[in-house]
């Protein structure tokens, strides 16, 4: 079994101006990510059936999901003020200080796949609470970057853990892995 690996390298200094307008700067990426997410959700439905009948993941569907998830991870971390470089559009990573990797594993458990969304309820409840905490962390980080010019390391570490967890929850929900999402690495 494999799980997605994601990390962001923290910069000592960040642009106050880019931080100030981050909400506006991320809009084009939010639109692309949302439009791309629609076909990803559709193929996830088909992936569920494929796994149910064959016990294996379709690699083409998995790659499409993985490309979207890698892009979404970069956009989410950019919006979360974790780095300044404007993210590249699409699956190919640009100069962002982000590392994302996920190994394809064809084998899938049919029974856990069948009950996947029921099994996700505890992870979703945890995700709701950690996302609330992450919103506060981004809010405080925004002020810290505007005032001091750097992202506080404690807030950065918490946000990174939240992003990693949300990527695991997303990959589990999209049938990309059978490994249950954990908050700790």
N, C-alpha and C. Protein backbone atom coordinates (compact mmCIF):
# COMPACT_ATOMS: atom_id res chain seq x y z
N UNK A 1 0.84 -1.19 0.00
CA UNK A 1 0.00 0.00 0.00
C UNK A 1 0.88 1.23 0.00
N UNK A 2 0.39 2.25 -0.66
CA UNK A 2 1.15 3.49 -0.67
C UNK A 2 0.27 4.65 -0.24
N UNK A 3 0.90 5.67 0.26
CA UNK A 3 0.20 6.88 0.65
C UNK A 3 0.90 8.07 0.00
N UNK A 4 0.17 9.14 -0.23
CA UNK A 4 0.81 10.31 -0.84
C UNK A 4 1.81 10.96 0.12
N UNK A 5 2.91 11.40 -0.42
CA UNK A 5 3.93 12.12 0.34
C UNK A 5 3.92 13.57 -0.12
N UNK A 6 3.89 14.48 0.84
CA UNK A 6 3.81 15.90 0.51
C UNK A 6 4.57 16.71 1.53
N UNK A 7 5.37 17.64 1.06
CA UNK A 7 6.06 18.55 1.97
C UNK A 7 6.28 19.89 1.27
N UNK A 8 6.43 20.91 2.06
CA UNK A 8 6.71 22.26 1.57
C UNK A 8 7.92 22.76 2.33
N UNK A 9 8.89 23.32 1.62
CA UNK A 9 10.07 23.89 2.25
C UNK A 9 9.73 25.30 2.70
N UNK A 10 9.94 25.57 3.98
CA UNK A 10 9.62 26.88 4.56
C UNK A 10 10.70 27.89 4.19
N UNK A 11 10.28 29.05 3.71
CA UNK A 11 11.20 30.14 3.40
C UNK A 11 11.36 31.03 4.62
N UNK A 12 12.56 31.58 4.78
CA UNK A 12 12.80 32.48 5.92
C UNK A 12 12.02 33.79 5.78
N UNK A 13 11.92 34.29 4.57
CA UNK A 13 11.22 35.55 4.31
C UNK A 13 10.16 35.33 3.24
N UNK A 14 9.07 36.08 3.34
CA UNK A 14 8.02 36.04 2.33
C UNK A 14 7.62 37.46 1.96
N UNK A 15 7.09 37.62 0.77
CA UNK A 15 6.68 38.92 0.26
C UNK A 15 5.41 39.39 0.96
N UNK A 16 5.49 40.55 1.56
CA UNK A 16 4.31 41.11 2.22
C UNK A 16 3.23 41.46 1.20
N UNK A 17 3.65 41.97 0.05
CA UNK A 17 2.70 42.37 -0.99
C UNK A 17 1.95 41.16 -1.55
N UNK A 18 2.66 40.09 -1.86
CA UNK A 18 2.00 38.88 -2.35
C UNK A 18 1.07 38.29 -1.30
N UNK A 19 1.49 38.38 -0.06
CA UNK A 19 0.66 37.89 1.04
C UNK A 19 -0.63 38.70 1.14
N UNK A 20 -0.50 40.01 0.99
CA UNK A 20 -1.65 40.89 1.10
C UNK A 20 -2.72 40.55 0.07
N UNK A 21 -2.29 40.22 -1.15
CA UNK A 21 -3.23 39.96 -2.24
C UNK A 21 -3.37 38.48 -2.59
N UNK A 22 -2.98 37.59 -1.70
CA UNK A 22 -3.03 36.15 -1.99
C UNK A 22 -4.42 35.67 -2.37
N UNK A 23 -5.43 36.17 -1.70
CA UNK A 23 -6.80 35.77 -1.99
C UNK A 23 -7.20 36.07 -3.43
N UNK A 24 -6.71 37.16 -3.97
CA UNK A 24 -6.99 37.50 -5.37
C UNK A 24 -6.11 36.70 -6.32
N UNK A 25 -4.86 36.51 -5.95
CA UNK A 25 -3.91 35.80 -6.81
C UNK A 25 -4.29 34.34 -7.03
N UNK A 26 -4.97 33.76 -6.07
CA UNK A 26 -5.28 32.33 -6.16
C UNK A 26 -6.55 32.05 -6.97
N UNK A 27 -7.32 33.07 -7.30
CA UNK A 27 -8.59 32.86 -8.01
C UNK A 27 -8.46 32.08 -9.31
N UNK A 28 -7.52 32.42 -10.19
CA UNK A 28 -7.43 31.63 -11.43
C UNK A 28 -7.17 30.14 -11.16
N UNK A 29 -6.33 29.85 -10.16
CA UNK A 29 -6.06 28.46 -9.81
C UNK A 29 -7.30 27.79 -9.20
N UNK A 30 -8.04 28.53 -8.42
CA UNK A 30 -9.26 27.97 -7.82
C UNK A 30 -10.26 27.57 -8.90
N UNK A 31 -10.36 28.38 -9.93
CA UNK A 31 -11.28 28.08 -11.04
C UNK A 31 -10.82 26.83 -11.78
N UNK A 32 -9.53 26.79 -12.15
CA UNK A 32 -8.99 25.63 -12.87
C UNK A 32 -9.15 24.36 -12.03
N UNK A 33 -8.80 24.47 -10.74
CA UNK A 33 -8.87 23.30 -9.85
C UNK A 33 -10.31 22.81 -9.72
N UNK A 34 -11.25 23.72 -9.60
CA UNK A 34 -12.66 23.34 -9.46
C UNK A 34 -13.21 22.70 -10.74
N UNK A 35 -12.85 23.26 -11.89
CA UNK A 35 -13.31 22.68 -13.15
C UNK A 35 -12.70 21.30 -13.39
N UNK A 36 -11.45 21.14 -13.02
CA UNK A 36 -10.75 19.87 -13.17
C UNK A 36 -11.32 18.83 -12.21
N UNK A 37 -11.78 19.29 -11.06
CA UNK A 37 -12.29 18.37 -10.04
C UNK A 37 -13.56 17.66 -10.50
N UNK A 38 -14.34 18.28 -11.35
CA UNK A 38 -15.60 17.67 -11.82
C UNK A 38 -15.34 16.33 -12.52
N UNK A 39 -14.49 16.28 -13.56
CA UNK A 39 -14.24 14.97 -14.17
C UNK A 39 -13.54 14.00 -13.23
N UNK A 40 -12.73 14.52 -12.30
CA UNK A 40 -12.06 13.64 -11.33
C UNK A 40 -13.10 12.95 -10.45
N UNK A 41 -14.12 13.69 -10.04
CA UNK A 41 -15.18 13.08 -9.23
C UNK A 41 -15.98 12.06 -10.04
N UNK A 42 -16.17 12.34 -11.29
CA UNK A 42 -16.91 11.40 -12.15
C UNK A 42 -16.13 10.09 -12.31
N UNK A 43 -14.82 10.19 -12.60
CA UNK A 43 -14.05 8.97 -12.78
C UNK A 43 -13.85 8.23 -11.46
N UNK A 44 -13.92 8.94 -10.34
CA UNK A 44 -13.85 8.28 -9.03
C UNK A 44 -15.03 7.34 -8.85
N UNK A 45 -16.19 7.75 -9.33
CA UNK A 45 -17.37 6.88 -9.29
C UNK A 45 -17.11 5.60 -10.07
N UNK A 46 -16.52 5.74 -11.25
CA UNK A 46 -16.22 4.55 -12.06
C UNK A 46 -15.12 3.72 -11.42
N UNK A 47 -14.15 4.37 -10.78
CA UNK A 47 -13.07 3.64 -10.10
C UNK A 47 -13.66 2.76 -8.99
N UNK A 48 -14.67 3.26 -8.30
CA UNK A 48 -15.31 2.49 -7.23
C UNK A 48 -15.86 1.18 -7.81
N UNK A 49 -16.54 1.27 -8.95
CA UNK A 49 -17.11 0.08 -9.57
C UNK A 49 -16.03 -0.85 -10.11
N UNK A 50 -15.00 -0.29 -10.69
CA UNK A 50 -13.90 -1.09 -11.22
C UNK A 50 -13.24 -1.90 -10.11
N UNK A 51 -12.98 -1.25 -8.99
CA UNK A 51 -12.38 -1.95 -7.85
C UNK A 51 -13.32 -3.01 -7.32
N UNK A 52 -14.59 -2.69 -7.24
CA UNK A 52 -15.57 -3.63 -6.71
C UNK A 52 -15.62 -4.92 -7.54
N UNK A 53 -15.51 -4.80 -8.86
CA UNK A 53 -15.61 -5.98 -9.71
C UNK A 53 -14.28 -6.66 -10.00
N UNK A 54 -13.19 -5.90 -10.05
CA UNK A 54 -11.90 -6.50 -10.43
C UNK A 54 -10.91 -6.64 -9.28
N UNK A 55 -11.10 -5.86 -8.22
CA UNK A 55 -10.13 -5.87 -7.12
C UNK A 55 -8.85 -5.11 -7.45
N UNK A 56 -8.88 -4.34 -8.53
CA UNK A 56 -7.71 -3.55 -8.95
C UNK A 56 -8.15 -2.15 -9.35
N UNK A 57 -7.24 -1.22 -9.16
CA UNK A 57 -7.47 0.15 -9.59
C UNK A 57 -7.12 0.29 -11.07
N UNK A 58 -7.87 1.11 -11.77
CA UNK A 58 -7.55 1.45 -13.15
C UNK A 58 -6.43 2.48 -13.12
N UNK A 59 -5.31 2.19 -13.77
CA UNK A 59 -4.15 3.07 -13.69
C UNK A 59 -4.39 4.42 -14.37
N UNK A 60 -5.12 4.45 -15.47
CA UNK A 60 -5.40 5.71 -16.15
C UNK A 60 -6.22 6.64 -15.28
N UNK A 61 -7.24 6.09 -14.63
CA UNK A 61 -8.06 6.89 -13.71
C UNK A 61 -7.21 7.36 -12.54
N UNK A 62 -6.40 6.45 -11.99
CA UNK A 62 -5.55 6.79 -10.85
C UNK A 62 -4.59 7.93 -11.22
N UNK A 63 -4.02 7.88 -12.40
CA UNK A 63 -3.08 8.93 -12.83
C UNK A 63 -3.79 10.29 -12.97
N UNK A 64 -5.01 10.27 -13.51
CA UNK A 64 -5.78 11.51 -13.61
C UNK A 64 -6.05 12.09 -12.22
N UNK A 65 -6.47 11.22 -11.30
CA UNK A 65 -6.71 11.66 -9.93
C UNK A 65 -5.42 12.17 -9.28
N UNK A 66 -4.33 11.47 -9.51
CA UNK A 66 -3.05 11.85 -8.92
C UNK A 66 -2.58 13.20 -9.45
N UNK A 67 -2.74 13.44 -10.74
CA UNK A 67 -2.36 14.73 -11.31
C UNK A 67 -3.17 15.86 -10.69
N UNK A 68 -4.47 15.64 -10.54
CA UNK A 68 -5.32 16.66 -9.92
C UNK A 68 -4.92 16.87 -8.46
N UNK A 69 -4.69 15.79 -7.73
CA UNK A 69 -4.36 15.90 -6.32
C UNK A 69 -3.02 16.62 -6.11
N UNK A 70 -2.04 16.35 -6.95
CA UNK A 70 -0.76 17.06 -6.85
C UNK A 70 -0.93 18.54 -7.12
N UNK A 71 -1.72 18.87 -8.13
CA UNK A 71 -2.01 20.27 -8.43
C UNK A 71 -2.77 20.93 -7.29
N UNK A 72 -3.80 20.26 -6.80
CA UNK A 72 -4.60 20.81 -5.70
C UNK A 72 -3.74 21.02 -4.45
N UNK A 73 -2.82 20.11 -4.18
CA UNK A 73 -1.95 20.25 -3.01
C UNK A 73 -1.09 21.50 -3.13
N UNK A 74 -0.58 21.75 -4.33
CA UNK A 74 0.23 22.97 -4.54
C UNK A 74 -0.62 24.22 -4.37
N UNK A 75 -1.81 24.21 -4.92
CA UNK A 75 -2.69 25.38 -4.82
C UNK A 75 -3.12 25.61 -3.38
N UNK A 76 -3.51 24.54 -2.69
CA UNK A 76 -3.93 24.68 -1.29
C UNK A 76 -2.80 25.26 -0.44
N UNK A 77 -1.59 24.78 -0.64
CA UNK A 77 -0.48 25.28 0.18
C UNK A 77 -0.10 26.72 -0.21
N UNK A 78 -0.25 27.07 -1.48
CA UNK A 78 -0.02 28.46 -1.90
C UNK A 78 -1.06 29.37 -1.25
N UNK A 79 -2.31 28.97 -1.32
CA UNK A 79 -3.38 29.75 -0.71
C UNK A 79 -3.20 29.84 0.81
N UNK A 80 -2.64 28.81 1.40
CA UNK A 80 -2.40 28.78 2.84
C UNK A 80 -1.15 29.55 3.24
N UNK A 81 -0.59 30.35 2.32
CA UNK A 81 0.56 31.23 2.60
C UNK A 81 1.84 30.48 2.94
N UNK A 82 1.96 29.25 2.48
CA UNK A 82 3.12 28.45 2.83
C UNK A 82 4.32 28.74 1.94
N UNK A 83 4.10 29.36 0.79
CA UNK A 83 5.21 29.78 -0.08
C UNK A 83 4.73 30.90 -0.99
N UNK A 84 5.68 31.61 -1.60
CA UNK A 84 5.38 32.79 -2.42
C UNK A 84 5.33 32.52 -3.92
N UNK A 85 6.09 31.55 -4.42
CA UNK A 85 6.15 31.34 -5.87
C UNK A 85 4.76 31.01 -6.40
N UNK A 86 4.39 31.72 -7.47
CA UNK A 86 3.08 31.47 -8.06
C UNK A 86 3.08 30.06 -8.65
N UNK A 87 2.11 29.23 -8.27
CA UNK A 87 2.10 27.84 -8.75
C UNK A 87 1.90 27.73 -10.25
N UNK A 88 2.49 26.72 -10.81
CA UNK A 88 2.31 26.40 -12.22
C UNK A 88 0.91 25.81 -12.40
N UNK A 89 0.28 26.12 -13.52
CA UNK A 89 -1.03 25.55 -13.82
C UNK A 89 -0.84 24.12 -14.31
N UNK A 90 -1.72 23.23 -13.89
CA UNK A 90 -1.70 21.86 -14.39
C UNK A 90 -0.88 20.91 -13.54
N UNK A 91 -0.64 19.74 -14.12
CA UNK A 91 0.00 18.65 -13.39
C UNK A 91 1.49 18.85 -13.18
N UNK A 92 2.15 19.58 -14.08
CA UNK A 92 3.60 19.76 -13.98
C UNK A 92 3.93 20.84 -12.96
N UNK A 93 4.76 20.47 -12.01
CA UNK A 93 5.19 21.41 -10.98
C UNK A 93 6.21 22.38 -11.56
N UNK A 94 6.13 23.62 -11.13
CA UNK A 94 7.09 24.64 -11.55
C UNK A 94 8.17 24.83 -10.50
N UNK A 95 8.41 26.07 -10.12
CA UNK A 95 9.47 26.41 -9.16
C UNK A 95 8.98 26.40 -7.71
N UNK A 96 7.80 25.89 -7.49
CA UNK A 96 7.27 25.88 -6.12
C UNK A 96 8.14 25.01 -5.21
N UNK A 97 8.33 25.44 -3.96
CA UNK A 97 9.14 24.63 -3.02
C UNK A 97 8.32 23.50 -2.41
N UNK A 98 7.71 22.71 -3.26
CA UNK A 98 6.78 21.66 -2.85
C UNK A 98 7.28 20.33 -3.39
N UNK A 99 7.15 19.30 -2.59
CA UNK A 99 7.46 17.95 -3.03
C UNK A 99 6.20 17.10 -2.84
N UNK A 100 5.74 16.51 -3.94
CA UNK A 100 4.57 15.64 -3.90
C UNK A 100 4.91 14.37 -4.66
N UNK A 101 4.64 13.24 -4.05
CA UNK A 101 4.83 11.97 -4.74
C UNK A 101 3.81 10.96 -4.21
N UNK A 102 3.46 10.04 -5.09
CA UNK A 102 2.48 9.03 -4.74
C UNK A 102 2.70 7.87 -5.71
N UNK A 103 2.92 6.70 -5.19
CA UNK A 103 3.19 5.52 -6.02
C UNK A 103 1.89 4.76 -6.29
N UNK A 104 1.71 4.40 -7.54
CA UNK A 104 0.53 3.64 -7.95
C UNK A 104 0.60 2.22 -7.41
N UNK A 105 -0.50 1.75 -6.86
CA UNK A 105 -0.63 0.38 -6.39
C UNK A 105 -1.94 -0.15 -6.95
N UNK A 106 -1.86 -1.10 -7.85
CA UNK A 106 -3.05 -1.61 -8.54
C UNK A 106 -3.98 -2.37 -7.60
N UNK A 107 -3.41 -3.15 -6.68
CA UNK A 107 -4.23 -3.98 -5.80
C UNK A 107 -5.11 -3.11 -4.90
N UNK A 108 -6.37 -3.53 -4.77
CA UNK A 108 -7.32 -2.81 -3.93
C UNK A 108 -8.22 -3.81 -3.21
N UNK A 109 -8.62 -3.46 -2.02
CA UNK A 109 -9.50 -4.33 -1.23
C UNK A 109 -10.96 -4.04 -1.58
N UNK A 110 -11.64 -5.03 -2.05
CA UNK A 110 -13.03 -4.86 -2.48
C UNK A 110 -13.96 -4.50 -1.33
N UNK A 111 -13.81 -5.17 -0.19
CA UNK A 111 -14.72 -4.96 0.93
C UNK A 111 -14.57 -3.55 1.50
N UNK A 112 -13.32 -3.11 1.73
CA UNK A 112 -13.14 -1.75 2.26
C UNK A 112 -13.55 -0.71 1.22
N UNK A 113 -13.38 -1.04 -0.05
CA UNK A 113 -13.84 -0.15 -1.11
C UNK A 113 -15.37 -0.01 -1.07
N UNK A 114 -16.05 -1.13 -0.87
CA UNK A 114 -17.51 -1.10 -0.84
C UNK A 114 -18.03 -0.19 0.28
N UNK A 115 -17.37 -0.23 1.44
CA UNK A 115 -17.81 0.55 2.60
C UNK A 115 -16.99 1.83 2.78
N UNK A 116 -16.29 2.25 1.75
CA UNK A 116 -15.35 3.37 1.85
C UNK A 116 -15.97 4.63 2.45
N UNK A 117 -17.10 5.06 1.95
CA UNK A 117 -17.65 6.33 2.41
C UNK A 117 -18.19 6.24 3.83
N UNK A 118 -18.64 5.11 4.22
CA UNK A 118 -19.05 4.91 5.61
C UNK A 118 -17.82 4.93 6.52
N UNK A 119 -16.75 4.30 6.06
CA UNK A 119 -15.51 4.26 6.85
C UNK A 119 -14.83 5.63 6.93
N UNK A 120 -15.13 6.51 6.01
CA UNK A 120 -14.51 7.83 5.99
C UNK A 120 -15.10 8.80 7.01
N UNK A 121 -16.24 8.50 7.57
CA UNK A 121 -16.91 9.43 8.47
C UNK A 121 -16.00 9.91 9.61
N UNK A 122 -15.30 9.03 10.34
CA UNK A 122 -14.42 9.53 11.40
C UNK A 122 -13.31 10.46 10.87
N UNK A 123 -12.73 10.11 9.73
CA UNK A 123 -11.67 10.95 9.15
C UNK A 123 -12.23 12.31 8.73
N UNK A 124 -13.45 12.33 8.22
CA UNK A 124 -14.06 13.59 7.81
C UNK A 124 -14.35 14.46 9.03
N UNK A 125 -14.80 13.86 10.11
CA UNK A 125 -15.04 14.63 11.34
C UNK A 125 -13.74 15.25 11.83
N UNK A 126 -12.67 14.47 11.86
CA UNK A 126 -11.36 15.00 12.26
C UNK A 126 -10.93 16.09 11.29
N UNK A 127 -11.15 15.86 9.99
CA UNK A 127 -10.76 16.84 8.97
C UNK A 127 -11.48 18.17 9.18
N UNK A 128 -12.73 18.13 9.54
CA UNK A 128 -13.48 19.37 9.79
C UNK A 128 -12.83 20.17 10.90
N UNK A 129 -12.49 19.50 12.00
CA UNK A 129 -11.89 20.21 13.13
C UNK A 129 -10.49 20.73 12.82
N UNK A 130 -9.67 19.94 12.14
CA UNK A 130 -8.32 20.42 11.83
C UNK A 130 -8.37 21.53 10.78
N UNK A 131 -9.35 21.49 9.88
CA UNK A 131 -9.48 22.57 8.90
C UNK A 131 -9.90 23.88 9.58
N UNK A 132 -10.74 23.79 10.58
CA UNK A 132 -11.10 25.00 11.34
C UNK A 132 -9.84 25.58 11.98
N UNK A 133 -9.03 24.71 12.57
CA UNK A 133 -7.77 25.17 13.14
C UNK A 133 -6.85 25.75 12.08
N UNK A 134 -6.83 25.15 10.90
CA UNK A 134 -5.97 25.63 9.81
C UNK A 134 -6.42 27.01 9.34
N UNK A 135 -7.71 27.26 9.29
CA UNK A 135 -8.19 28.58 8.88
C UNK A 135 -7.69 29.65 9.86
N UNK A 136 -7.75 29.34 11.15
CA UNK A 136 -7.22 30.28 12.14
C UNK A 136 -5.71 30.46 11.98
N UNK A 137 -5.01 29.36 11.70
CA UNK A 137 -3.56 29.43 11.51
C UNK A 137 -3.22 30.31 10.31
N UNK A 138 -3.96 30.17 9.22
CA UNK A 138 -3.72 31.01 8.04
C UNK A 138 -4.02 32.47 8.36
N UNK A 139 -5.08 32.71 9.08
CA UNK A 139 -5.45 34.07 9.47
C UNK A 139 -4.32 34.73 10.27
N UNK A 140 -3.82 34.02 11.27
CA UNK A 140 -2.73 34.57 12.09
C UNK A 140 -1.43 34.67 11.30
N UNK A 141 -1.17 33.70 10.43
CA UNK A 141 0.03 33.73 9.59
C UNK A 141 -0.01 34.92 8.64
N UNK A 142 -1.20 35.23 8.13
CA UNK A 142 -1.35 36.37 7.22
C UNK A 142 -0.89 37.65 7.91
N UNK A 143 -1.35 37.86 9.14
CA UNK A 143 -0.92 39.05 9.89
C UNK A 143 0.57 38.99 10.20
N UNK A 144 1.06 37.83 10.59
CA UNK A 144 2.48 37.70 10.92
C UNK A 144 3.36 38.01 9.71
N UNK A 145 2.97 37.54 8.54
CA UNK A 145 3.75 37.79 7.33
C UNK A 145 3.69 39.27 6.97
N UNK A 146 2.51 39.87 7.09
CA UNK A 146 2.39 41.30 6.80
C UNK A 146 3.22 42.16 7.75
N UNK A 147 3.29 41.77 9.01
CA UNK A 147 4.01 42.56 10.00
C UNK A 147 5.50 42.22 10.01
N UNK A 148 5.83 40.92 10.12
CA UNK A 148 7.23 40.51 10.30
C UNK A 148 7.90 40.05 9.01
N UNK A 149 7.13 39.72 7.99
CA UNK A 149 7.71 39.27 6.74
C UNK A 149 8.08 37.80 6.70
N UNK A 150 7.66 37.04 7.70
CA UNK A 150 7.94 35.60 7.67
C UNK A 150 6.79 34.83 8.31
N UNK A 151 6.67 33.60 7.89
CA UNK A 151 5.61 32.70 8.37
C UNK A 151 6.13 32.05 9.66
N UNK A 152 5.41 32.22 10.79
CA UNK A 152 5.87 31.59 12.04
C UNK A 152 6.01 30.07 11.88
N UNK A 153 7.12 29.54 12.36
CA UNK A 153 7.42 28.12 12.15
C UNK A 153 6.39 27.19 12.78
N UNK A 154 5.84 27.54 13.93
CA UNK A 154 4.83 26.69 14.57
C UNK A 154 3.56 26.62 13.75
N UNK A 155 3.10 27.75 13.26
CA UNK A 155 1.91 27.77 12.40
C UNK A 155 2.18 27.03 11.09
N UNK A 156 3.38 27.23 10.54
CA UNK A 156 3.75 26.55 9.31
C UNK A 156 3.71 25.04 9.49
N UNK A 157 4.30 24.56 10.59
CA UNK A 157 4.31 23.12 10.87
C UNK A 157 2.91 22.55 11.01
N UNK A 158 2.05 23.28 11.70
CA UNK A 158 0.66 22.82 11.86
C UNK A 158 -0.04 22.78 10.51
N UNK A 159 0.11 23.83 9.71
CA UNK A 159 -0.52 23.87 8.40
C UNK A 159 -0.02 22.74 7.51
N UNK A 160 1.27 22.45 7.57
CA UNK A 160 1.82 21.36 6.78
C UNK A 160 1.18 20.04 7.17
N UNK A 161 1.05 19.79 8.46
CA UNK A 161 0.40 18.55 8.93
C UNK A 161 -1.05 18.48 8.43
N UNK A 162 -1.75 19.61 8.48
CA UNK A 162 -3.14 19.63 8.01
C UNK A 162 -3.20 19.34 6.51
N UNK A 163 -2.31 19.97 5.73
CA UNK A 163 -2.30 19.72 4.28
C UNK A 163 -2.00 18.24 3.99
N UNK A 164 -1.04 17.68 4.69
CA UNK A 164 -0.71 16.27 4.49
C UNK A 164 -1.90 15.39 4.82
N UNK A 165 -2.58 15.69 5.91
CA UNK A 165 -3.75 14.91 6.31
C UNK A 165 -4.87 15.04 5.27
N UNK A 166 -5.13 16.24 4.80
CA UNK A 166 -6.19 16.45 3.83
C UNK A 166 -5.89 15.75 2.51
N UNK A 167 -4.62 15.68 2.14
CA UNK A 167 -4.23 14.95 0.93
C UNK A 167 -4.49 13.46 1.13
N UNK A 168 -4.19 12.95 2.32
CA UNK A 168 -4.46 11.53 2.62
C UNK A 168 -5.96 11.24 2.60
N UNK A 169 -6.75 12.14 3.19
CA UNK A 169 -8.21 11.96 3.20
C UNK A 169 -8.75 11.98 1.77
N UNK A 170 -8.27 12.93 0.97
CA UNK A 170 -8.72 13.02 -0.42
C UNK A 170 -8.35 11.77 -1.22
N UNK A 171 -7.11 11.31 -1.06
CA UNK A 171 -6.68 10.12 -1.81
C UNK A 171 -7.46 8.88 -1.37
N UNK A 172 -7.77 8.78 -0.10
CA UNK A 172 -8.57 7.66 0.39
C UNK A 172 -9.99 7.74 -0.16
N UNK A 173 -10.56 8.94 -0.17
CA UNK A 173 -11.92 9.12 -0.69
C UNK A 173 -12.02 8.89 -2.19
N UNK A 174 -10.92 9.10 -2.90
CA UNK A 174 -10.93 8.89 -4.35
C UNK A 174 -10.50 7.46 -4.72
N UNK A 175 -10.43 6.57 -3.74
CA UNK A 175 -10.07 5.16 -3.95
C UNK A 175 -8.64 4.98 -4.48
N UNK A 176 -7.77 5.94 -4.22
CA UNK A 176 -6.40 5.86 -4.72
C UNK A 176 -5.53 4.99 -3.84
N UNK A 177 -5.95 4.77 -2.61
CA UNK A 177 -5.20 3.95 -1.66
C UNK A 177 -6.19 3.28 -0.72
N UNK A 178 -5.76 2.19 -0.11
CA UNK A 178 -6.58 1.53 0.91
C UNK A 178 -6.10 1.88 2.31
N UNK A 179 -5.03 2.66 2.42
CA UNK A 179 -4.49 3.04 3.72
C UNK A 179 -5.35 4.15 4.32
N UNK A 180 -5.88 3.86 5.53
CA UNK A 180 -6.76 4.82 6.19
C UNK A 180 -5.96 6.08 6.54
N UNK A 181 -6.54 7.27 6.31
CA UNK A 181 -5.80 8.51 6.58
C UNK A 181 -5.53 8.72 8.06
N UNK A 182 -4.29 9.06 8.36
CA UNK A 182 -3.88 9.37 9.73
C UNK A 182 -3.37 10.79 9.76
N UNK A 183 -3.59 11.47 10.90
CA UNK A 183 -3.12 12.85 11.01
C UNK A 183 -1.61 12.91 11.12
N UNK A 184 -1.03 11.95 11.80
CA UNK A 184 0.44 11.94 11.92
C UNK A 184 1.04 11.25 10.70
N UNK A 185 2.28 11.60 10.42
CA UNK A 185 2.96 11.02 9.26
C UNK A 185 3.27 9.58 9.54
